[in-house]
Every structure is written in structure tokens, then in C-alpha cells.
């Protein structure tokens, strides 16, 4: 079986390699990240991951993996910051509070699709504006949903998390491994 990752995310590439999938092709999905307005958060990320998987050309012997990660604070979606002021607004809103990181994952082979999602609760510690500005000055928050990366200096803002750590990075690897088993791929076999 050939694996296709429908993502340009360097973190997702790293996570696939971490779980032993080293031979894969990257085919970035051109799907628009839009969704029906009435969907709850879990269904939003599932919907977008499926759209991404559908938008990638797929040969019969290929398995496509697509994912979409979003950060939600009180049911409001926090995307990638538009600029430093937007990053400060998001980080300020989350400091000292809990938010949820949700990732939808779709595994596709031909016309067969399997879509699931994972949620991880993340508690930010209280932080000063000076600390948040210093973090923003690193540039790390600018290309990440919710304006932080748990795998980098953003970890210094995280007090605790409940759930899959890798989900916060953008790919719930345990859930993905169980989904791949349904397509005949056993990563621990």
C-alpha cells in the first residue's frame, strides 16, 4: 500500500515518521476550508478533513490521510492569527483558561472513507502580557491555529492537557493507527 499525506504541515510529516510511516508521498489538498455554519466543532473538523481527502487524486492502491486541526475557546474557533495583534488577542483570551483542540482525520482508499475526530483539553497557565509578547516575537505562533505550538516554546504556556498530546500538534497518532488497521495497515505488527 502506498500512503499519501494530504497536507503541507511539517508537523504531520514528523508525526507519521514518528509512528513508523517513513515511505509516503505528500500531495497537498487544494480543498477550501469552509463548512456549513450549523456544524458543532467535532463535525467541523471531520467535514474539512473529508473535503481535503476527497480533493486529492487517489489511485486504487493508495491510502490518503487528511486532517484538519482547530482550536476552540468557549465554542468559538481560533484559527491562525492574521498578525501579531491577533495572536496577542487569542493568547490573552486563552491564558489562565481551558480550551479544546480538535482534529478531524480522514483515511481514504478509492471510494472508501473513514472519518473520525479527536479532542484534547488544554489548560493555559496565567501569563503576563510581556510573556505573551515575548512568545509572539519568536514568530512561532504565526502559522498555527490558536497562535501557539505545543511542540515549541508554546509549551511554556501549557499548564496541563487531557487527551492526546499529538492531537495538539495536529495529528492524533493513536486514533490514526486504529483507523489504518481497518485498511489493513498494522503499525506494530
C-alpha atoms as a PDB file:
ATOM      1  CA  UNK A   1       0.000   0.000   0.000  1.00  0.00           C
ATOM      2  CA  UNK A   2       1.182   3.487  -0.816  1.00  0.00           C
ATOM      3  CA  UNK A   3       0.500   6.230   1.723  1.00  0.00           C
ATOM      4  CA  UNK A   4      -0.357   9.782   0.655  1.00  0.00           C
ATOM      5  CA  UNK A   5      -0.378  12.602   3.185  1.00  0.00           C
ATOM      6  CA  UNK A   6      -2.773  15.318   2.016  1.00  0.00           C
ATOM      7  CA  UNK A   7      -1.043  18.058   3.996  1.00  0.00           C
ATOM      8  CA  UNK A   8       1.832  20.504   3.759  1.00  0.00           C
ATOM      9  CA  UNK A   9       2.229  20.500   7.557  1.00  0.00           C
ATOM     10  CA  UNK A  10       5.779  19.693   8.629  1.00  0.00           C
ATOM     11  CA  UNK A  11       4.410  18.545  11.996  1.00  0.00           C
ATOM     12  CA  UNK A  12       2.150  15.948  10.379  1.00  0.00           C
ATOM     13  CA  UNK A  13       5.102  14.688   8.338  1.00  0.00           C
ATOM     14  CA  UNK A  14       7.165  14.352  11.520  1.00  0.00           C
ATOM     15  CA  UNK A  15       4.367  12.532  13.322  1.00  0.00           C
ATOM     16  CA  UNK A  16       3.913   9.997  10.515  1.00  0.00           C
ATOM     17  CA  UNK A  17       7.629   9.284  10.651  1.00  0.00           C
ATOM     18  CA  UNK A  18       7.480   9.051  14.454  1.00  0.00           C
ATOM     19  CA  UNK A  19       4.964   6.182  14.244  1.00  0.00           C
ATOM     20  CA  UNK A  20       6.980   4.330  11.615  1.00  0.00           C
ATOM     21  CA  UNK A  21       5.481   5.552   8.340  1.00  0.00           C
ATOM     22  CA  UNK A  22       8.554   6.785   6.520  1.00  0.00           C
ATOM     23  CA  UNK A  23       7.661   5.969   2.935  1.00  0.00           C
ATOM     24  CA  UNK A  24       4.859   8.330   1.945  1.00  0.00           C
ATOM     25  CA  UNK A  25       4.070  10.922  -0.673  1.00  0.00           C
ATOM     26  CA  UNK A  26       2.882  14.420   0.069  1.00  0.00           C
ATOM     27  CA  UNK A  27       0.028  15.618  -2.100  1.00  0.00           C
ATOM     28  CA  UNK A  28      -1.316  18.885  -0.716  1.00  0.00           C
ATOM     29  CA  UNK A  29      -5.075  19.183  -0.859  1.00  0.00           C
ATOM     30  CA  UNK A  30      -6.483  22.280  -2.528  1.00  0.00           C
ATOM     31  CA  UNK A  31      -9.825  21.939  -0.746  1.00  0.00           C
ATOM     32  CA  UNK A  32     -11.276  25.123   0.672  1.00  0.00           C
ATOM     33  CA  UNK A  33     -11.526  25.047   4.432  1.00  0.00           C
ATOM     34  CA  UNK A  34     -15.160  26.047   4.545  1.00  0.00           C
ATOM     35  CA  UNK A  35     -18.007  24.249   6.261  1.00  0.00           C
ATOM     36  CA  UNK A  36     -21.749  24.570   6.896  1.00  0.00           C
ATOM     37  CA  UNK A  37     -22.418  27.177   9.585  1.00  0.00           C
ATOM     38  CA  UNK A  38     -24.590  24.922  11.748  1.00  0.00           C
ATOM     39  CA  UNK A  39     -21.997  22.210  12.449  1.00  0.00           C
ATOM     40  CA  UNK A  40     -20.716  21.644  16.006  1.00  0.00           C
ATOM     41  CA  UNK A  41     -16.904  21.717  16.494  1.00  0.00           C
ATOM     42  CA  UNK A  42     -16.296  17.942  16.173  1.00  0.00           C
ATOM     43  CA  UNK A  43     -18.227  17.812  12.920  1.00  0.00           C
ATOM     44  CA  UNK A  44     -16.451  20.900  11.524  1.00  0.00           C
ATOM     45  CA  UNK A  45     -13.010  19.273  11.638  1.00  0.00           C
ATOM     46  CA  UNK A  46     -14.405  15.974  10.349  1.00  0.00           C
ATOM     47  CA  UNK A  47     -16.136  17.745   7.458  1.00  0.00           C
ATOM     48  CA  UNK A  48     -12.999  19.634   6.423  1.00  0.00           C
ATOM     49  CA  UNK A  49     -10.726  16.577   6.717  1.00  0.00           C
ATOM     50  CA  UNK A  50     -13.076  14.632   4.449  1.00  0.00           C
ATOM     51  CA  UNK A  51     -13.167  17.507   1.946  1.00  0.00           C
ATOM     52  CA  UNK A  52      -9.364  17.520   1.929  1.00  0.00           C
ATOM     53  CA  UNK A  53      -9.238  13.758   1.341  1.00  0.00           C
ATOM     54  CA  UNK A  54     -11.780  13.987  -1.484  1.00  0.00           C
ATOM     55  CA  UNK A  55      -9.812  16.751  -3.212  1.00  0.00           C
ATOM     56  CA  UNK A  56      -6.660  14.634  -3.563  1.00  0.00           C
ATOM     57  CA  UNK A  57      -6.268  12.334  -6.568  1.00  0.00           C
ATOM     58  CA  UNK A  58      -6.072   8.751  -5.374  1.00  0.00           C
ATOM     59  CA  UNK A  59      -5.034   5.560  -7.183  1.00  0.00           C
ATOM     60  CA  UNK A  60      -6.676   2.268  -6.088  1.00  0.00           C
ATOM     61  CA  UNK A  61      -3.501   1.134  -4.287  1.00  0.00           C
ATOM     62  CA  UNK A  62      -3.093   4.400  -2.367  1.00  0.00           C
ATOM     63  CA  UNK A  63      -4.300   5.328   1.093  1.00  0.00           C
ATOM     64  CA  UNK A  64      -4.820   9.037   1.645  1.00  0.00           C
ATOM     65  CA  UNK A  65      -4.533  10.576   5.101  1.00  0.00           C
ATOM     66  CA  UNK A  66      -6.070  14.027   5.550  1.00  0.00           C
ATOM     67  CA  UNK A  67      -6.511  16.036   8.723  1.00  0.00           C
ATOM     68  CA  UNK A  68      -7.778  19.361   9.974  1.00  0.00           C
ATOM     69  CA  UNK A  69      -6.992  20.838  13.386  1.00  0.00           C
ATOM     70  CA  UNK A  70      -8.815  23.709  15.061  1.00  0.00           C
ATOM     71  CA  UNK A  71      -8.692  25.381  18.439  1.00  0.00           C
ATOM     72  CA  UNK A  72     -11.948  26.241  20.199  1.00  0.00           C
ATOM     73  CA  UNK A  73     -12.397  28.538  23.174  1.00  0.00           C
ATOM     74  CA  UNK A  74     -15.955  28.550  24.521  1.00  0.00           C
ATOM     75  CA  UNK A  75     -17.129  27.073  21.179  1.00  0.00           C
ATOM     76  CA  UNK A  76     -15.525  29.973  19.253  1.00  0.00           C
ATOM     77  CA  UNK A  77     -12.979  28.922  16.635  1.00  0.00           C
ATOM     78  CA  UNK A  78      -9.475  30.347  16.921  1.00  0.00           C
ATOM     79  CA  UNK A  79      -7.702  29.994  13.587  1.00  0.00           C
ATOM     80  CA  UNK A  80      -4.240  31.082  12.531  1.00  0.00           C
ATOM     81  CA  UNK A  81      -3.558  34.668  13.602  1.00  0.00           C
ATOM     82  CA  UNK A  82      -3.746  37.345  10.904  1.00  0.00           C
ATOM     83  CA  UNK A  83      -0.966  39.359  12.540  1.00  0.00           C
ATOM     84  CA  UNK A  84       0.813  39.861  15.870  1.00  0.00           C
ATOM     85  CA  UNK A  85      -2.101  41.823  17.344  1.00  0.00           C
ATOM     86  CA  UNK A  86      -4.458  38.952  16.503  1.00  0.00           C
ATOM     87  CA  UNK A  87      -2.025  36.455  18.075  1.00  0.00           C
ATOM     88  CA  UNK A  88      -1.937  38.579  21.252  1.00  0.00           C
ATOM     89  CA  UNK A  89      -5.732  38.733  21.308  1.00  0.00           C
ATOM     90  CA  UNK A  90      -6.015  34.921  21.083  1.00  0.00           C
ATOM     91  CA  UNK A  91      -3.288  34.147  23.592  1.00  0.00           C
ATOM     92  CA  UNK A  92      -4.667  36.708  26.051  1.00  0.00           C
ATOM     93  CA  UNK A  93      -8.128  35.155  25.796  1.00  0.00           C
ATOM     94  CA  UNK A  94      -6.736  31.666  26.500  1.00  0.00           C
ATOM     95  CA  UNK A  95      -4.308  32.494  29.326  1.00  0.00           C
ATOM     96  CA  UNK A  96      -5.432  31.029  32.630  1.00  0.00           C
ATOM     97  CA  UNK A  97      -8.234  29.110  30.901  1.00  0.00           C
ATOM     98  CA  UNK A  98      -9.062  25.805  29.229  1.00  0.00           C
ATOM     99  CA  UNK A  99      -9.582  25.421  25.502  1.00  0.00           C
ATOM    100  CA  UNK A 100     -10.118  22.417  23.248  1.00  0.00           C
ATOM    101  CA  UNK A 101      -8.015  21.307  20.296  1.00  0.00           C
ATOM    102  CA  UNK A 102      -9.958  19.190  17.812  1.00  0.00           C
ATOM    103  CA  UNK A 103      -8.577  17.287  14.850  1.00  0.00           C
ATOM    104  CA  UNK A 104     -10.630  15.562  12.205  1.00  0.00           C
ATOM    105  CA  UNK A 105      -8.879  12.708  10.396  1.00  0.00           C
ATOM    106  CA  UNK A 106      -9.975  11.019   7.199  1.00  0.00           C
ATOM    107  CA  UNK A 107      -8.406   7.870   5.775  1.00  0.00           C
ATOM    108  CA  UNK A 108      -9.404   7.131   2.203  1.00  0.00           C
ATOM    109  CA  UNK A 109      -8.780   4.326  -0.233  1.00  0.00           C
ATOM    110  CA  UNK A 110     -10.608   4.763  -3.516  1.00  0.00           C
ATOM    111  CA  UNK A 111     -14.277   5.344  -2.689  1.00  0.00           C
ATOM    112  CA  UNK A 112     -13.934   4.097   0.893  1.00  0.00           C
ATOM    113  CA  UNK A 113     -13.695   6.841   3.527  1.00  0.00           C
ATOM    114  CA  UNK A 114     -13.285   6.603   7.286  1.00  0.00           C
ATOM    115  CA  UNK A 115     -13.572   9.886   9.198  1.00  0.00           C
ATOM    116  CA  UNK A 116     -13.178  10.403  12.937  1.00  0.00           C
ATOM    117  CA  UNK A 117     -12.130  13.173  15.304  1.00  0.00           C
ATOM    118  CA  UNK A 118     -10.166  13.627  18.491  1.00  0.00           C
ATOM    119  CA  UNK A 119     -10.472  16.284  21.203  1.00  0.00           C
ATOM    120  CA  UNK A 120      -7.807  17.319  23.705  1.00  0.00           C
ATOM    121  CA  UNK A 121      -8.418  19.775  26.545  1.00  0.00           C
ATOM    122  CA  UNK A 122      -5.554  22.214  27.122  1.00  0.00           C
ATOM    123  CA  UNK A 123      -5.175  24.454  30.163  1.00  0.00           C
ATOM    124  CA  UNK A 124      -3.029  27.553  29.728  1.00  0.00           C
ATOM    125  CA  UNK A 125      -1.306  28.965  32.761  1.00  0.00           C
ATOM    126  CA  UNK A 126      -1.853  32.610  33.629  1.00  0.00           C
ATOM    127  CA  UNK A 127       0.699  34.657  31.680  1.00  0.00           C
ATOM    128  CA  UNK A 128       1.658  38.296  31.623  1.00  0.00           C
ATOM    129  CA  UNK A 129       1.279  40.451  28.549  1.00  0.00           C
ATOM    130  CA  UNK A 130       5.077  40.765  28.447  1.00  0.00           C
ATOM    131  CA  UNK A 131       5.427  36.962  28.345  1.00  0.00           C
ATOM    132  CA  UNK A 132       2.847  36.667  25.574  1.00  0.00           C
ATOM    133  CA  UNK A 133       4.544  39.420  23.546  1.00  0.00           C
ATOM    134  CA  UNK A 134       7.918  37.711  24.007  1.00  0.00           C
ATOM    135  CA  UNK A 135       6.426  34.462  22.736  1.00  0.00           C
ATOM    136  CA  UNK A 136       4.862  36.211  19.744  1.00  0.00           C
ATOM    137  CA  UNK A 137       8.234  37.818  18.973  1.00  0.00           C
ATOM    138  CA  UNK A 138       9.657  34.310  18.352  1.00  0.00           C
ATOM    139  CA  UNK A 139       7.408  34.080  15.265  1.00  0.00           C
ATOM    140  CA  UNK A 140       6.245  30.620  16.320  1.00  0.00           C
ATOM    141  CA  UNK A 141       2.542  31.486  16.757  1.00  0.00           C
ATOM    142  CA  UNK A 142       2.016  32.981  13.315  1.00  0.00           C
ATOM    143  CA  UNK A 143       1.250  29.821  11.321  1.00  0.00           C
ATOM    144  CA  UNK A 144      -0.588  27.854  13.987  1.00  0.00           C
ATOM    145  CA  UNK A 145      -4.246  27.544  14.926  1.00  0.00           C
ATOM    146  CA  UNK A 146      -4.791  29.208  18.273  1.00  0.00           C
ATOM    147  CA  UNK A 147      -1.478  31.074  17.898  1.00  0.00           C
ATOM    148  CA  UNK A 148       0.718  28.528  19.689  1.00  0.00           C
ATOM    149  CA  UNK A 149       2.742  25.394  19.094  1.00  0.00           C
ATOM    150  CA  UNK A 150       2.805  22.900  21.950  1.00  0.00           C
ATOM    151  CA  UNK A 151       5.913  21.276  20.448  1.00  0.00           C
ATOM    152  CA  UNK A 152       7.921  24.510  20.745  1.00  0.00           C
ATOM    153  CA  UNK A 153       8.115  27.453  23.104  1.00  0.00           C
ATOM    154  CA  UNK A 154       4.328  27.432  23.288  1.00  0.00           C
ATOM    155  CA  UNK A 155       4.774  24.505  25.705  1.00  0.00           C
ATOM    156  CA  UNK A 156       5.794  27.139  28.269  1.00  0.00           C
ATOM    157  CA  UNK A 157       2.183  28.386  28.278  1.00  0.00           C
ATOM    158  CA  UNK A 158       0.597  24.960  28.792  1.00  0.00           C
ATOM    159  CA  UNK A 159      -0.129  24.043  32.382  1.00  0.00           C
ATOM    160  CA  UNK A 160      -1.835  20.714  31.651  1.00  0.00           C
ATOM    161  CA  UNK A 161      -3.580  18.782  28.945  1.00  0.00           C
ATOM    162  CA  UNK A 162      -6.081  15.969  28.958  1.00  0.00           C
ATOM    163  CA  UNK A 163      -6.063  13.689  25.955  1.00  0.00           C
ATOM    164  CA  UNK A 164      -3.734  13.006  23.067  1.00  0.00           C
ATOM    165  CA  UNK A 165      -0.663  15.288  23.122  1.00  0.00           C
ATOM    166  CA  UNK A 166      -0.015  14.613  19.434  1.00  0.00           C
ATOM    167  CA  UNK A 167      -3.533  15.787  18.619  1.00  0.00           C
ATOM    168  CA  UNK A 168      -2.480  19.248  19.792  1.00  0.00           C
ATOM    169  CA  UNK A 169       0.408  19.057  17.302  1.00  0.00           C
ATOM    170  CA  UNK A 170      -2.075  18.299  14.522  1.00  0.00           C
ATOM    171  CA  UNK A 171      -2.419  14.522  14.208  1.00  0.00           C
ATOM    172  CA  UNK A 172      -3.842  12.116  16.808  1.00  0.00           C
ATOM    173  CA  UNK A 173      -1.485   9.240  16.105  1.00  0.00           C
ATOM    174  CA  UNK A 174      -3.211   6.584  18.228  1.00  0.00           C
ATOM    175  CA  UNK A 175      -6.570   7.238  16.575  1.00  0.00           C
ATOM    176  CA  UNK A 176      -4.889   7.286  13.145  1.00  0.00           C
ATOM    177  CA  UNK A 177      -3.174   3.944  13.817  1.00  0.00           C
ATOM    178  CA  UNK A 178      -6.503   2.354  14.733  1.00  0.00           C
ATOM    179  CA  UNK A 179      -8.110   3.801  11.609  1.00  0.00           C
ATOM    180  CA  UNK A 180      -5.266   2.454   9.435  1.00  0.00           C
ATOM    181  CA  UNK A 181      -5.807  -1.024  10.912  1.00  0.00           C
ATOM    182  CA  UNK A 182      -9.235  -1.004   9.256  1.00  0.00           C
ATOM    183  CA  UNK A 183      -7.387  -0.606   5.943  1.00  0.00           C
ATOM    184  CA  UNK A 184      -5.025  -3.493   6.676  1.00  0.00           C
ATOM    185  CA  UNK A 185      -2.079  -1.409   7.933  1.00  0.00           C
ATOM    186  CA  UNK A 186      -0.812  -2.553  11.336  1.00  0.00           C
ATOM    187  CA  UNK A 187       1.972  -0.306  12.571  1.00  0.00           C
ATOM    188  CA  UNK A 188       3.004  -2.566  15.460  1.00  0.00           C
ATOM    189  CA  UNK A 189       2.812  -5.849  13.533  1.00  0.00           C
END
